[in-house]
Amino acid sequence: MAEQDLCPTCIQKHDCQKVYRELGSSRGPSVAVKVSLAFLLPLVVFIVTLAVFQKIFAEEAEPVKTAFGLAMALVSTLACILVVRAISRRPGRDR
């Protein structure tokens, strides 16, 4: 990498290496569950809800079925996001 070529001539190379070494060895809580809830859950809820409402409105005309299905999927996804936010912001809970 181009940045590594600059390290031998840099005045702050020891400080920089120390910072990266400390960051690499730091331990913290896993964020995998939070990332999944934040990004994957709303997407899954949207897709599943859209599919369910397409089946429910199967007898309707195509534009009506699409409009209702999309509207219901958006509403349910918004509700899912609000519920996840409310759960994650409960008082007395460690962050």
Protein backbone atom coordinates (compact mmCIF):
# COMPACT_ATOMS: atom_id res chain seq x y z
CA MET A 1 0.00 0.00 0.00
CA ALA A 2 1.11 3.56 -0.62
CA GLU A 3 0.68 4.55 3.05
CA GLN A 4 3.12 1.86 4.17
CA ASP A 5 5.79 3.41 1.95
CA LEU A 6 5.51 6.63 3.96
CA CYS A 7 5.89 5.00 7.39
CA PRO A 8 9.72 4.71 7.45
CA THR A 9 10.12 8.45 6.83
CA CYS A 10 7.27 9.62 9.06
CA ILE A 11 8.10 11.43 12.30
CA GLN A 12 5.07 9.93 14.10
CA LYS A 13 5.50 6.33 12.90
CA HIS A 14 6.02 4.95 16.43
CA ASP A 15 2.90 6.68 17.79
CA CYS A 16 0.86 5.53 14.82
CA GLN A 17 2.00 1.92 15.15
CA LYS A 18 1.27 2.01 18.88
CA VAL A 19 -2.29 3.22 18.28
CA TYR A 20 -2.99 0.53 15.69
CA ARG A 21 -1.49 -2.13 17.94
CA GLU A 22 -3.71 -1.05 20.86
CA LEU A 23 -6.80 -0.91 18.66
CA GLY A 24 -6.08 -4.38 17.31
CA SER A 25 -5.79 -5.90 20.75
CA SER A 26 -8.78 -4.13 22.31
CA ARG A 27 -11.75 -6.20 23.44
CA GLY A 28 -15.34 -5.09 23.28
CA PRO A 29 -18.85 -6.42 23.09
CA SER A 30 -19.99 -8.15 19.92
CA VAL A 31 -22.13 -6.01 17.67
CA ALA A 32 -23.30 -8.83 15.39
CA VAL A 33 -26.79 -9.01 16.93
CA LYS A 34 -27.27 -5.25 16.78
CA VAL A 35 -26.12 -5.11 13.17
CA SER A 36 -28.46 -7.95 12.25
CA LEU A 37 -31.38 -6.25 13.92
CA ALA A 38 -30.58 -2.89 12.39
CA PHE A 39 -30.03 -3.99 8.80
CA LEU A 40 -31.32 -7.49 8.15
CA LEU A 41 -34.51 -7.67 10.20
CA PRO A 42 -36.30 -4.75 8.49
CA LEU A 43 -35.36 -6.12 5.09
CA VAL A 44 -36.64 -9.59 5.95
CA VAL A 45 -39.83 -8.17 7.46
CA PHE A 46 -40.44 -6.11 4.33
CA ILE A 47 -39.96 -9.06 1.97
CA VAL A 48 -42.06 -11.49 4.03
CA THR A 49 -44.86 -8.97 4.56
CA LEU A 50 -44.91 -8.07 0.88
CA ALA A 51 -45.19 -11.74 -0.05
CA VAL A 52 -47.96 -12.35 2.50
CA PHE A 53 -50.03 -9.39 1.34
CA GLN A 54 -49.56 -10.37 -2.30
CA LYS A 55 -51.18 -13.70 -1.41
CA ILE A 56 -53.96 -12.00 0.59
CA PHE A 57 -54.81 -9.60 -2.24
CA ALA A 58 -54.45 -12.26 -4.96
CA GLU A 59 -58.05 -11.78 -6.15
CA GLU A 60 -57.62 -8.02 -6.66
CA ALA A 61 -56.49 -6.27 -9.82
CA GLU A 62 -52.73 -6.07 -10.31
CA PRO A 63 -52.32 -2.30 -9.58
CA VAL A 64 -54.46 -2.57 -6.45
CA LYS A 65 -52.63 -5.68 -5.27
CA THR A 66 -49.25 -4.00 -5.78
CA ALA A 67 -50.27 -0.74 -4.09
CA PHE A 68 -51.85 -2.39 -1.06
CA GLY A 69 -49.04 -4.91 -0.70
CA LEU A 70 -46.38 -2.20 -0.87
CA ALA A 71 -48.23 0.07 1.56
CA MET A 72 -48.76 -2.71 4.09
CA ALA A 73 -45.15 -3.88 3.77
CA LEU A 74 -43.87 -0.34 4.39
CA VAL A 75 -46.14 0.13 7.40
CA SER A 76 -45.15 -3.19 8.94
CA THR A 77 -41.44 -2.49 8.33
CA LEU A 78 -41.76 0.91 9.99
CA ALA A 79 -43.51 -0.73 12.94
CA CYS A 80 -40.70 -3.29 13.16
CA ILE A 81 -38.07 -0.55 13.18
CA LEU A 82 -39.90 1.36 15.91
CA VAL A 83 -40.24 -1.76 18.06
CA VAL A 84 -36.54 -2.59 17.70
CA ARG A 85 -35.62 1.00 18.62
CA ALA A 86 -37.89 0.93 21.66
CA ILE A 87 -36.40 -2.36 22.84
CA SER A 88 -32.83 -1.17 22.34
CA ARG A 89 -33.43 2.09 24.24
CA ARG A 90 -34.98 0.63 27.37
CA PRO A 91 -33.89 2.52 30.48
CA GLY A 92 -31.52 0.74 32.84
CA ARG A 93 -29.98 -1.32 30.07
CA ASP A 94 -26.26 -1.32 29.34
CA ARG A 95 -25.27 -0.06 25.93
